Each structure stands twice: as C-alpha cells, then as structure tokens.
Amino acid sequence: MDIIIVGGGKVGGALAEVLCHEHNVTVIDRNEQRINSITNDYDIKGITGNCLQTANLEEAGVGKCKLFIAVTDSDEVNILSCLIAKKMNAHHCIARVRNPEFDQQLVFMREELGISMMVNPDFNSANEIAKVLRYPEAINIESFAKGRVDLAEIRITNGSILENLALSQLSRRLRLDVLICAVQRGDEVIIPNGSFVLHAGDKIHMTASHRNMVRFFKSISSAYREKRVKSAVLIGGGRVGYHLAQQLREMSVKVKIIEIDPKRCLELSERLSKVTVVCGDGTNQDVIREERVYDADAVVSLTGIDEENILLSLLAKNNGVEKVVTKVNRMNLMQLSETLNLDSIISPKSITVNQILQYVRAKQNSDGNNVATLYRLVNDRMEAIEFVVREHKDYVGIPLKKLKLRSGILIASIVRGNELIIPKGDDFLKVNDSVVVVTTNRGFGDLKQIFD
C-alpha cells in the first residue's frame, strides 16, 4: 500500500517506523533535519517542503496513494492538505484535528469534504483516562470486538487473592470466565501457561467480558465499591483536561481543575458547568495543600511537561491518593515511569498512532488482510490483535488442542455473534468469529501466521 505522511514530528515519525515494514511510505515535512533523520532511520522516501504545494504532493505520488495521513501541528494545514490530496485522487485521507471547535463539524468534513477519518488525540486520551477511572484497580483498559471483550492491565499487590496463585486455579478460585494472557515481571514479558504462578508486583493482562471484568474487580477487592472514583483533581486545564472534565461530569464525578493560565481558566469556567476551576500553579505545594488535592479519589497530571507530570503523580501516590493517572509523551520517560510503579500512564502520541494503525489495518482487510484491531502494549513489546475469520481455512473447525501455535502466542478470546468464549482445548474457530491473539512477536497480518 502506498502511504503519504504529512508531518515528521513525534506522531509522523512513529507512524513511519511502524508502517515502513509493510508499506511504501513517503514523509513530507518543511524541516530538512526531520526528513534526514527519518529517512536515515527507516526505509522510506522523504520530501522536504510545503505539503500544501501540489508539486510536492505530485512528487510524493499522491495520485496513486491509498492513504494520505496529515499529522502536522496545525489543524488547518492538516484539513487543507487532505482536501488538496483528495482533489488529486488520493483514495483515503486522515487528518489529526485537536481544536474542540471542530468537534461539531466532523460529520460534515467526512461526508461533504471526503476526509475519511478525523483523529483528535486529546479527546481520545480523555476517553482512555475516563476508562481507567471507571476501574480504579486497572492500569489500562482496551476493548475488542465492538466492546464485547475487555483487555485490562492490573498490578498484583501484596496480600491480593491472586498472589501465589497458579493460573490453572484461577477460574475455580474466582468462579469467573477470565483469562490471564500475559504477565510482565520486571523486564520480562511472559505468555504464561496453566502452571505459571503469580507474584506480588506482577503486571497481568487479562481478557473477559465487560460484565465479568466488573465481577473480577469485585472479587479481588472487598473495597471495590468504596474505591469507585467520586472526586478527581486535574492538574492542567489544556485540551485533554477539558474533554476529560466533560466525561467525568457525565460519570457524576466531582471535578476540580487547577490551571495556571488566567485566560484559560476563564474559558474553562465558561465552557464547563458544575466543574470547579482554580487559577493557580498545580506544582506549587501551597496550592496543593490549600486545594486539598491529596484528599481526592483520583489525581490526573496533565501539564505540558512530562517531568512535571511524573513528579506530581509520585507526590500524589506517596500522599495516599488511591488512583493516579500521568500524561507522558516521550517514550524514554514512559519507560522510566514503569520503574517508578506509577498507576496509569497515558500517551496521546501512542493513542493517536494506534488509532491510525487500526484504520490502516481495516483498509488492508479489503486487500485480504484479516486484522480488525491492533494494540501495542508494554512499551511496544507485546501486541494484542483482533483477527476476523473471513473464510474457511484449514484451521477452522479443528479443536484448539489439536492446533500447534507458534511460540510466544496465546489465543485470548473468541467472539461468536454476541457470545464471548474464553478458549479451552475443545473450543474451535468458525467463519465470522472475531479472535483476539496476544503475542510477543511482531508483524502478524493473517490469522494463519500464528499456527506452526
């Protein structure tokens, strides 16, 4: 597939890194240093220039490109470049758009202007944070099969009923249909078998239906109801904070935003009803004490500086806040945050890249690829992939215990119609099933590749 990426920044570079292995990728950016860096690192074509100039688009081959992705730091440039590319016969166009003022025009832009997809990283980041605040015990929650399957990341604490439990005993102990499909122990990522024993400090990735996920959290925590987030302090009132405050308000959570910019505080006060907006420096300990930040059920660090967010979250955790969420964009700091045992780390860059990759996978489906959804987990060291069985193959109808999987792979769930199956040896695949696979390998584009 021919793909053009406009904008060679953090998101554009991350997309180029992933897509260059499977597609013909061209990146356009005004910054020559960025282009040189990307083309030296990856096997792609780079063009230094203005993406709004038709000569540059023609040089990139826009007329035959299957996918045009605009992720510059300007919403207007992204939209306009997509319109020009569409006029020059690009098949599908994706624009990153962050300004909330465009929210009401997404349908118009898609249906009338032909922009296939609008990605708002701030809104999507707020969605992810809201999800983990619904499940305070979870570090992260992903969904598959149109929301029928939840994949949750959880840390096992000292004294948990899961501590020192062999996975073969899990269903009997909890009386729930759940599957632990991956374990992160220190620097090691493990696809476990039934004899694997869980330890305190392990991070586990588990799949279940939404209903069983709720029951699971109730089973592992006698204080589940008390842990429900009823109040949250957001340190930083930028776009993520704005979208998150709206969602938390709908969840009946009492929200307080601490924002240092007086003009932004006024905007937030006008736009957000029933939300307390405090004008002050959220990194100042006097402000934190005066606003009783550590009395909240949850603290979300959303300043524009990753290091500040990490330090604020560590302080909140050390002062007894039950649920702490940290916004971090830089990959090296995300890896550092893992060693600090912070609760939930959200990266708008990673969320945006994942959403665009899902769209790319969906377009590949029309060319014979059967990947419906793909998430990269544990700092890109593991993938959770949803395949759709589109036609009868030699692995269809065969009990799973008779099929040989490649190493580092686990079938985590099968969705058949409205039924969720946590797979066992006698289960088998049917045409039209959605199959979630967790793997430490990379680059699977077809379900048949998981079998040896």
Protein backbone atom coordinates (compact mmCIF):
# COMPACT_ATOMS: atom_id res chain seq x y z
CA MET A 1 0.00 0.00 0.00
CA ASP A 2 1.33 3.49 -0.90
CA ILE A 3 1.05 5.81 2.11
CA ILE A 4 1.94 9.51 2.40
CA ILE A 5 2.52 11.01 5.86
CA VAL A 6 2.48 14.79 6.14
CA GLY A 7 4.35 15.93 9.26
CA GLY A 8 7.51 14.25 10.51
CA GLY A 9 7.13 15.06 14.20
CA LYS A 10 6.54 12.60 17.05
CA VAL A 11 3.38 11.05 15.60
CA GLY A 12 4.55 11.11 11.98
CA GLY A 13 7.87 9.54 12.92
CA ALA A 14 6.20 6.82 14.99
CA LEU A 15 3.80 6.01 12.13
CA ALA A 16 6.68 5.86 9.65
CA GLU A 17 8.59 3.46 11.93
CA VAL A 18 5.68 1.00 12.10
CA LEU A 19 4.31 1.30 8.55
CA CYS A 20 7.60 1.18 6.63
CA HIS A 21 7.92 -2.57 7.20
CA GLU A 22 4.71 -3.39 5.31
CA HIS A 23 4.05 -0.41 3.01
CA ASN A 24 5.65 2.11 0.64
CA VAL A 25 5.85 5.21 2.86
CA THR A 26 6.67 8.80 1.91
CA VAL A 27 7.01 11.57 4.52
CA ILE A 28 6.68 15.30 3.74
CA ASP A 29 7.89 17.95 6.18
CA ARG A 30 9.24 21.50 5.97
CA ASN A 31 12.06 20.65 8.37
CA GLU A 32 15.02 19.20 6.45
CA GLN A 33 16.63 17.86 9.62
CA ARG A 34 13.50 15.87 10.46
CA ILE A 35 13.35 14.40 6.97
CA ASN A 36 17.02 13.44 7.05
CA SER A 37 16.60 11.79 10.43
CA ILE A 38 13.54 9.76 9.37
CA THR A 39 14.96 8.65 6.02
CA ASN A 40 18.24 7.62 7.66
CA ASP A 41 16.40 5.57 10.28
CA TYR A 42 13.79 3.91 8.07
CA ASP A 43 13.48 2.61 4.53
CA ILE A 44 11.17 5.37 3.27
CA LYS A 45 11.14 8.30 0.87
CA GLY A 46 11.39 11.82 2.31
CA ILE A 47 10.47 15.17 0.76
CA THR A 48 11.44 18.49 2.32
CA GLY A 49 8.81 21.08 1.51
CA ASN A 50 5.33 22.52 1.99
CA CYS A 51 2.60 19.89 1.96
CA LEU A 52 0.14 22.44 0.53
CA GLN A 53 2.13 22.80 -2.67
CA THR A 54 0.84 20.50 -5.40
CA ALA A 55 4.34 19.99 -6.83
CA ASN A 56 5.47 18.36 -3.57
CA LEU A 57 2.36 16.19 -3.46
CA GLU A 58 2.86 15.10 -7.05
CA GLU A 59 6.49 14.20 -6.28
CA ALA A 60 5.22 12.08 -3.38
CA GLY A 61 2.86 10.24 -5.74
CA VAL A 62 -0.38 11.46 -4.22
CA GLY A 63 -2.44 10.38 -7.24
CA LYS A 64 -1.78 6.70 -6.58
CA CYS A 65 -1.55 6.71 -2.79
CA LYS A 66 -4.04 4.55 -0.93
CA LEU A 67 -3.78 6.52 2.32
CA PHE A 68 -2.86 10.17 2.99
CA ILE A 69 -2.20 10.96 6.68
CA ALA A 70 -1.83 14.59 7.82
CA VAL A 71 -0.36 14.96 11.32
CA THR A 72 1.37 18.37 11.31
CA ASP A 73 1.00 20.60 14.37
CA SER A 74 -1.63 22.73 12.57
CA ASP A 75 -5.27 21.59 12.35
CA GLU A 76 -5.93 23.88 9.41
CA VAL A 77 -2.92 22.62 7.44
CA ASN A 78 -3.97 19.03 8.10
CA ILE A 79 -7.51 19.63 6.87
CA LEU A 80 -6.48 21.67 3.83
CA SER A 81 -3.76 19.22 2.79
CA CYS A 82 -6.31 16.38 2.94
CA LEU A 83 -8.70 18.36 0.73
CA ILE A 84 -5.94 19.02 -1.82
CA ALA A 85 -4.82 15.38 -1.72
CA LYS A 86 -8.40 14.21 -2.19
CA LYS A 87 -8.75 16.51 -5.22
CA MET A 88 -5.54 14.97 -6.57
CA ASN A 89 -7.08 11.46 -6.35
CA ALA A 90 -5.75 10.17 -3.02
CA HIS A 91 -8.06 7.32 -2.02
CA HIS A 92 -8.42 7.85 1.74
CA CYS A 93 -7.39 10.82 3.91
CA ILE A 94 -6.84 11.08 7.68
CA ALA A 95 -6.40 14.41 9.48
CA ARG A 96 -5.26 14.98 13.06
CA VAL A 97 -7.51 17.75 14.43
CA ARG A 98 -7.16 18.92 18.04
CA ASN A 99 -9.24 22.09 18.33
CA PRO A 100 -12.57 21.35 20.11
CA GLU A 101 -14.24 23.92 17.82
CA PHE A 102 -14.04 21.34 15.00
CA ASP A 103 -15.89 18.69 17.04
CA GLN A 104 -19.31 19.70 15.72
CA GLN A 105 -18.13 19.57 12.10
CA LEU A 106 -16.69 16.06 11.94
CA VAL A 107 -19.69 14.56 10.13
CA PHE A 108 -19.71 17.41 7.60
CA MET A 109 -15.99 17.02 6.92
CA ARG A 110 -16.34 13.30 6.42
CA GLU A 111 -19.50 13.27 4.31
CA GLU A 112 -19.19 16.54 2.38
CA LEU A 113 -15.42 17.06 2.14
CA GLY A 114 -14.40 13.42 1.81
CA ILE A 115 -11.99 13.26 4.78
CA SER A 116 -12.21 9.61 5.80
CA MET A 117 -11.16 9.99 9.42
CA MET A 118 -10.55 12.80 11.90
CA VAL A 119 -8.28 11.93 14.84
CA ASN A 120 -8.43 14.04 17.99
CA PRO A 121 -5.60 12.85 20.30
CA ASP A 122 -6.81 14.97 23.22
CA PHE A 123 -10.37 13.64 23.09
CA ASN A 124 -9.11 10.07 22.69
CA SER A 125 -6.68 10.50 25.60
CA ALA A 126 -9.55 11.75 27.75
CA ASN A 127 -11.53 8.63 26.77
CA GLU A 128 -8.66 6.39 27.88
CA ILE A 129 -8.29 8.21 31.20
CA ALA A 130 -12.05 8.04 31.84
CA LYS A 131 -11.94 4.27 31.23
CA VAL A 132 -9.23 3.65 33.83
CA LEU A 133 -11.04 5.88 36.33
CA ARG A 134 -14.12 3.66 35.92
CA TYR A 135 -11.89 0.73 37.01
CA PRO A 136 -9.54 2.25 39.62
CA GLU A 137 -7.70 -1.06 40.08
CA ALA A 138 -6.81 -1.19 36.37
CA ILE A 139 -3.69 0.39 34.91
CA ASN A 140 -5.13 0.32 31.40
CA ILE A 141 -8.25 -0.94 29.60
CA GLU A 142 -8.60 -1.77 25.88
CA SER A 143 -11.67 -3.08 24.03
CA PHE A 144 -12.13 -5.53 21.16
CA ALA A 145 -14.99 -6.93 19.09
CA LYS A 146 -17.04 -3.73 19.27
CA GLY A 147 -16.77 -3.53 23.06
CA ARG A 148 -17.67 -7.16 23.78
CA VAL A 149 -14.17 -8.01 25.08
CA ASP A 150 -12.15 -6.01 27.63
CA LEU A 151 -8.38 -6.35 27.96
CA ALA A 152 -7.24 -4.98 31.32
CA GLU A 153 -3.76 -4.42 32.75
CA ILE A 154 -3.55 -4.85 36.53
CA ARG A 155 -0.72 -4.87 39.08
CA ILE A 156 -0.88 -7.61 41.73
CA THR A 157 -0.37 -6.15 45.20
CA ASN A 158 0.85 -7.78 48.40
CA GLY A 159 -1.96 -9.70 50.05
CA SER A 160 -4.07 -9.92 46.89
CA ILE A 161 -6.06 -13.15 46.47
CA LEU A 162 -4.15 -13.54 43.19
CA GLU A 163 -0.75 -13.58 44.90
CA ASN A 164 0.94 -17.02 44.69
CA LEU A 165 -1.98 -18.35 42.64
CA ALA A 166 -1.35 -20.79 39.78
CA LEU A 167 -3.27 -19.83 36.65
CA SER A 168 -4.85 -23.28 36.46
CA GLN A 169 -6.65 -22.46 39.73
CA LEU A 170 -7.88 -19.02 38.64
CA SER A 171 -11.35 -19.88 37.29
CA ARG A 172 -12.05 -22.24 40.20
CA ARG A 173 -10.96 -19.66 42.79
CA LEU A 174 -12.90 -16.73 41.31
CA ARG A 175 -15.73 -18.70 39.65
CA LEU A 176 -15.42 -16.42 36.64
CA ASP A 177 -14.61 -16.95 32.98
CA VAL A 178 -11.45 -14.82 32.67
CA LEU A 179 -8.05 -15.46 31.09
CA ILE A 180 -4.67 -14.07 32.08
CA CYS A 181 -2.91 -13.92 28.74
CA ALA A 182 0.34 -12.09 29.52
CA VAL A 183 2.46 -11.23 32.55
CA GLN A 184 5.10 -8.56 32.91
CA ARG A 185 7.57 -9.48 35.66
CA GLY A 186 10.34 -6.93 35.94
CA ASP A 187 11.79 -6.53 32.45
CA GLU A 188 10.42 -9.87 31.25
CA VAL A 189 7.18 -10.26 29.28
CA ILE A 190 5.74 -13.78 29.57
CA ILE A 191 2.94 -15.60 27.75
CA PRO A 192 2.03 -17.92 30.64
CA ASN A 193 0.69 -21.49 30.81
CA GLY A 194 -1.55 -23.05 33.46
CA SER A 195 1.32 -23.89 35.81
CA PHE A 196 2.50 -20.26 35.96
CA VAL A 197 2.31 -18.81 39.50
CA LEU A 198 1.54 -15.13 40.01
CA HIS A 199 3.67 -13.00 42.34
CA ALA A 200 3.12 -9.64 44.02
CA GLY A 201 4.42 -6.89 41.75
CA ASP A 202 3.48 -8.72 38.53
CA LYS A 203 1.55 -6.76 35.93
CA ILE A 204 -1.04 -9.01 34.34
CA HIS A 205 -3.01 -8.56 31.13
CA MET A 206 -6.38 -10.32 31.26
CA THR A 207 -9.40 -10.69 28.99
CA ALA A 208 -13.06 -11.03 29.96
CA SER A 209 -16.48 -9.77 29.01
CA HIS A 210 -17.38 -6.35 30.40
CA ARG A 211 -19.72 -7.99 32.91
CA ASN A 212 -17.12 -10.49 34.11
CA MET A 213 -14.48 -7.76 34.27
CA VAL A 214 -16.66 -5.85 36.76
CA ARG A 215 -17.23 -9.05 38.75
CA PHE A 216 -13.49 -9.76 38.66
CA PHE A 217 -12.67 -6.42 40.26
CA LYS A 218 -15.30 -7.03 42.91
CA SER A 219 -13.78 -10.46 43.61
CA ILE A 220 -10.21 -9.24 44.05
CA SER A 221 -11.15 -6.18 46.12
CA SER A 222 -13.52 -6.26 49.07
CA ALA A 223 -13.45 -2.45 48.98
CA TYR A 224 -14.49 -2.26 45.30
CA ARG A 225 -17.49 0.00 45.91
CA GLU A 226 -15.50 2.30 48.20
CA LYS A 227 -12.75 2.56 45.55
CA ARG A 228 -15.10 3.98 42.93
CA VAL A 229 -13.79 7.41 41.92
CA LYS A 230 -16.18 10.08 43.23
CA SER A 231 -13.82 13.08 43.11
CA ALA A 232 -10.91 13.94 40.82
CA VAL A 233 -8.37 16.76 40.58
CA LEU A 234 -6.95 17.54 37.15
CA ILE A 235 -3.64 19.42 37.27
CA GLY A 236 -3.56 21.22 33.94
CA GLY A 237 -6.55 22.59 32.07
CA GLY A 238 -5.48 22.04 28.47
CA ARG A 239 -7.48 20.24 25.81
CA VAL A 240 -7.17 16.81 27.44
CA GLY A 241 -8.33 18.29 30.75
CA TYR A 242 -11.28 19.99 29.07
CA HIS A 243 -12.50 16.78 27.36
CA LEU A 244 -11.86 14.70 30.49
CA ALA A 245 -13.79 17.09 32.74
CA GLN A 246 -16.80 16.77 30.41
CA GLN A 247 -16.70 12.98 30.56
CA LEU A 248 -16.15 12.78 34.32
CA ARG A 249 -19.05 15.15 34.88
CA GLU A 250 -21.28 12.72 32.95
CA MET A 251 -19.99 9.93 35.25
CA SER A 252 -21.17 12.01 38.28
CA VAL A 253 -17.58 12.57 39.41
CA LYS A 254 -16.86 15.81 41.29
CA VAL A 255 -14.14 17.55 39.22
CA LYS A 256 -11.64 20.27 40.13
CA ILE A 257 -9.20 21.69 37.55
CA ILE A 258 -6.06 23.58 38.61
CA GLU A 259 -4.75 25.71 35.74
CA ILE A 260 -2.00 28.35 35.85
CA ASP A 261 -3.15 30.50 32.88
CA PRO A 262 -5.85 33.03 33.95
CA LYS A 263 -7.21 33.37 30.41
CA ARG A 264 -7.58 29.60 30.07
CA CYS A 265 -9.26 29.45 33.49
CA LEU A 266 -11.88 31.92 32.27
CA GLU A 267 -12.50 29.84 29.13
CA LEU A 268 -12.89 26.66 31.17
CA SER A 269 -15.25 28.32 33.64
CA GLU A 270 -17.46 29.50 30.77
CA ARG A 271 -17.49 26.14 28.98
CA LEU A 272 -17.73 23.73 31.91
CA SER A 273 -20.66 23.88 34.26
CA LYS A 274 -20.51 22.09 37.63
CA VAL A 275 -16.71 21.95 37.43
CA THR A 276 -14.53 23.87 39.92
CA VAL A 277 -11.75 25.78 38.15
CA VAL A 278 -8.88 27.06 40.31
CA CYS A 279 -6.40 29.56 38.91
CA GLY A 280 -3.04 28.60 40.35
CA ASP A 281 0.20 26.69 39.87
CA GLY A 282 -0.61 23.00 40.33
CA THR A 283 3.06 22.25 41.00
CA ASN A 284 3.14 24.65 43.97
CA GLN A 285 2.86 22.77 47.27
CA ASP A 286 1.00 25.65 48.92
CA VAL A 287 -1.67 25.49 46.21
CA ILE A 288 -1.82 21.69 46.53
CA ARG A 289 -2.36 21.95 50.30
CA GLU A 290 -4.87 24.79 50.03
CA GLU A 291 -6.95 22.91 47.43
CA ARG A 292 -6.65 19.62 49.37
CA VAL A 293 -5.53 17.82 46.25
CA TYR A 294 -4.49 14.68 48.11
CA ASP A 295 -8.00 14.25 49.56
CA ALA A 296 -9.36 13.44 46.08
CA ASP A 297 -10.03 9.87 44.99
CA ALA A 298 -8.02 10.47 41.82
CA VAL A 299 -5.33 12.90 40.64
CA VAL A 300 -4.61 13.30 36.93
CA SER A 301 -1.38 15.11 35.95
CA LEU A 302 -1.93 16.88 32.62
CA THR A 303 0.61 19.69 32.41
CA GLY A 304 2.56 20.19 29.19
CA ILE A 305 5.82 18.97 30.76
CA ASP A 306 6.31 15.20 31.15
CA GLU A 307 8.77 15.52 34.05
CA GLU A 308 6.32 17.69 35.99
CA ASN A 309 3.55 15.17 35.47
CA ILE A 310 5.72 12.30 36.74
CA LEU A 311 6.79 14.20 39.87
CA LEU A 312 3.24 15.36 40.62
CA SER A 313 1.97 11.80 40.29
CA LEU A 314 4.70 10.43 42.57
CA LEU A 315 3.82 13.03 45.21
CA ALA A 316 0.12 12.22 44.92
CA LYS A 317 0.83 8.47 45.23
CA ASN A 318 3.12 8.97 48.22
CA ASN A 319 0.45 11.09 49.92
CA GLY A 320 -2.16 8.35 49.73
CA VAL A 321 -4.17 9.19 46.61
CA GLU A 322 -5.90 5.96 45.58
CA LYS A 323 -5.77 6.45 41.78
CA VAL A 324 -3.14 8.44 39.91
CA VAL A 325 -3.00 8.97 36.13
CA THR A 326 0.02 10.51 34.38
CA LYS A 327 0.18 12.03 30.89
CA VAL A 328 3.58 11.27 29.32
CA ASN A 329 4.52 11.60 25.66
CA ARG A 330 8.24 10.92 25.44
CA MET A 331 8.98 7.22 25.05
CA ASN A 332 12.14 7.26 27.18
CA LEU A 333 10.21 8.84 30.06
CA MET A 334 7.37 6.33 29.64
CA GLN A 335 9.90 3.54 30.16
CA LEU A 336 11.31 5.34 33.22
CA SER A 337 7.79 5.75 34.62
CA GLU A 338 7.35 1.97 34.51
CA THR A 339 10.19 1.56 37.02
CA LEU A 340 8.58 4.09 39.39
CA ASN A 341 5.41 1.98 39.83
CA LEU A 342 3.06 4.74 38.77
CA ASP A 343 -0.57 3.67 38.30
CA SER A 344 -1.71 4.53 34.78
CA ILE A 345 0.39 6.24 32.12
CA ILE A 346 -1.40 7.80 29.14
CA SER A 347 0.39 8.86 25.95
CA PRO A 348 -1.62 10.96 23.45
CA LYS A 349 1.03 10.18 20.83
CA SER A 350 0.70 6.42 21.28
CA ILE A 351 -3.09 6.60 21.33
CA THR A 352 -3.12 8.56 18.06
CA VAL A 353 -0.66 6.17 16.39
CA ASN A 354 -2.72 3.15 17.50
CA GLN A 355 -5.96 4.64 16.20
CA ILE A 356 -4.46 5.42 12.79
CA LEU A 357 -2.87 1.96 12.63
CA GLN A 358 -6.28 0.41 13.27
CA TYR A 359 -7.64 2.32 10.29
CA VAL A 360 -4.71 1.17 8.14
CA ARG A 361 -5.41 -2.42 9.18
CA ALA A 362 -9.07 -2.01 8.30
CA LYS A 363 -8.13 -0.83 4.80
CA GLN A 364 -5.78 -3.79 4.44
CA ASN A 365 -8.75 -6.06 5.12
CA SER A 366 -10.15 -5.14 1.72
CA ASP A 367 -6.88 -6.44 0.26
CA GLY A 368 -7.12 -9.78 2.04
CA ASN A 369 -5.68 -8.89 5.46
CA ASN A 370 -7.94 -10.03 8.32
CA VAL A 371 -6.68 -7.84 11.21
CA ALA A 372 -9.56 -5.81 12.66
CA THR A 373 -7.86 -4.19 15.69
CA LEU A 374 -4.30 -3.95 16.95
CA TYR A 375 -2.95 -2.57 20.22
CA ARG A 376 0.72 -2.29 21.12
CA LEU A 377 1.29 -2.90 24.85
CA VAL A 378 4.15 -2.88 27.38
CA ASN A 379 6.05 -0.12 25.56
CA ASP A 380 5.52 -1.84 22.18
CA ARG A 381 6.95 -5.17 23.41
CA MET A 382 3.65 -7.01 23.00
CA GLU A 383 0.72 -6.91 20.59
CA ALA A 384 -2.94 -7.70 21.14
CA ILE A 385 -4.51 -8.34 17.73
CA GLU A 386 -8.11 -8.95 16.78
CA PHE A 387 -8.49 -11.13 13.68
CA VAL A 388 -11.71 -11.89 11.82
CA VAL A 389 -12.13 -15.38 10.30
CA ARG A 390 -13.43 -14.35 6.87
CA GLU A 391 -13.39 -17.70 5.07
CA HIS A 392 -12.94 -21.39 5.69
CA LYS A 393 -9.28 -22.28 6.25
CA ASP A 394 -7.54 -25.48 7.34
CA TYR A 395 -7.52 -24.28 10.99
CA VAL A 396 -11.32 -23.70 11.05
CA GLY A 397 -13.39 -26.33 12.86
CA ILE A 398 -10.35 -28.01 14.44
CA PRO A 399 -10.21 -28.19 18.29
CA LEU A 400 -7.57 -25.77 19.52
CA LYS A 401 -5.77 -28.54 21.42
CA LYS A 402 -5.02 -30.17 18.05
CA LEU A 403 -3.56 -26.99 16.54
CA LYS A 404 0.06 -26.03 17.19
CA LEU A 405 0.63 -22.36 17.97
CA ARG A 406 3.93 -20.67 17.35
CA SER A 407 5.89 -19.76 20.49
CA GLY A 408 5.04 -16.51 22.26
CA ILE A 409 1.35 -16.63 21.24
CA LEU A 410 -1.91 -17.12 23.15
CA ILE A 411 -5.48 -17.08 21.83
CA ALA A 412 -7.13 -14.82 24.43
CA SER A 413 -10.79 -14.86 23.35
CA ILE A 414 -13.22 -15.81 20.61
CA VAL A 415 -16.35 -13.75 19.91
CA ARG A 416 -19.09 -15.60 18.02
CA GLY A 417 -22.10 -13.36 17.42
CA ASN A 418 -22.99 -11.99 20.87
CA GLU A 419 -21.21 -14.84 22.67
CA LEU A 420 -17.77 -14.43 24.25
CA ILE A 421 -15.74 -17.63 24.53
CA ILE A 422 -12.68 -17.79 26.78
CA PRO A 423 -10.98 -20.56 24.78
CA LYS A 424 -10.15 -24.01 26.10
CA GLY A 425 -8.71 -27.01 24.32
CA ASP A 426 -12.01 -28.33 22.94
CA ASP A 427 -13.10 -24.96 21.51
CA PHE A 428 -12.64 -24.28 17.79
CA LEU A 429 -12.89 -21.46 15.27
CA LYS A 430 -15.78 -20.77 12.89
CA VAL A 431 -16.12 -18.45 9.91
CA ASN A 432 -17.04 -14.87 11.04
CA ASP A 433 -15.52 -15.37 14.52
CA SER A 434 -13.52 -12.50 16.00
CA VAL A 435 -10.34 -13.89 17.56
CA VAL A 436 -8.12 -11.92 19.97
CA VAL A 437 -4.49 -13.05 19.98
CA VAL A 438 -1.81 -11.82 22.41
CA THR A 439 1.79 -12.20 21.28
CA THR A 440 5.32 -11.07 21.99
CA ASN A 441 6.06 -11.46 18.26
CA ARG A 442 5.52 -8.72 15.67
CA GLY A 443 4.14 -8.29 12.19
CA PHE A 444 1.25 -10.75 12.02
CA GLY A 445 -1.15 -9.80 9.22
CA ASP A 446 -3.15 -13.00 8.95
CA LEU A 447 -4.53 -15.48 11.45
CA LYS A 448 -2.87 -18.44 9.68
CA GLN A 449 0.55 -16.99 10.61
CA ILE A 450 0.03 -17.78 14.31
CA PHE A 451 -0.02 -21.53 13.65
CA ASP A 452 3.15 -23.57 13.29
